[in-house]
């Protein structure tokens, strides 16, 4: 009978801890998320822990970490899914969850794991989300640069048909290919509908993307609006320039390909080729000797 007592106590403690966490999450002040999208689906199980961590830690996040995290969220397109405290506490919740899981597995298997292993698990699992988000932001920036000429062509056709710039952006979003560029133009329209001027929405786009191509486009559109020059020529010039730059980047990557192939050729392909060629000669030499 006593053999089942300890597992029953562990199970009861786990259930009571879970119920206590749920009760605490009800007591914690919920942040207004009416202006935000739903967080990613994989955070559903972590969200109570995220809110528990956010409650005491939100006021102690350094300003430098806040600004760096906000720039990362803007570049990765996650600023409408996470606030800065939520993102930081999600990374911390991942670290706590993985470390606790390994601690429970070690105690269940009766293995004495070293302390440095738990520290390494905590650091690696906590850094996984920021590193993954940074890679996503970099890939998203490349996708924006590739899709920008296409959307400029859609906007150019709409302006040539007599539609203003806001309507041209709306037509480009409606008929353009899906991707990061569509999401950014959709957010520009979303900012305009919330009360921002078109110039402010475009400047916000430039700050979010942090790309030279977007900054050049926004400054050119702002200059054209101030000087009263035609948008048709401005958009046509920008579309042509972005297309030429995209072709030049493709040529650059094509010229870099032979250089990047040197290492795998020397390390992997050449030794295997020499081995295949030398093996029959070694067999014949062995037979003659």
Foldseek 3Di string as FASTA:
>chain_A
DVVCVVVVVVVVVVVVVVVVLVVVLVVQDDDDLPQADAADPVCPVVVSQLSVVCRVCVVPDDPVQQVVQCLLCLLLVNVRHDHSSSLLSSLQSQLVVQLVVVVVVCVVVVHDDDPVVNVVSSVVSSCPSVVVSNVSSVVQLVVLLVQVLVLLVQLLVCVVVPDDNLVSLVRSLVPPDDGSNSSLSVVLNVVVVVPDDNLVSLVSSCSSNVDPLSVVLSVLVVVCVVVVPDPNVSSVVSSVVSVVVVVVVVVVVVVCVVVVVPVCCVPPVVVVVVCVVCVVVVVVVVVVD
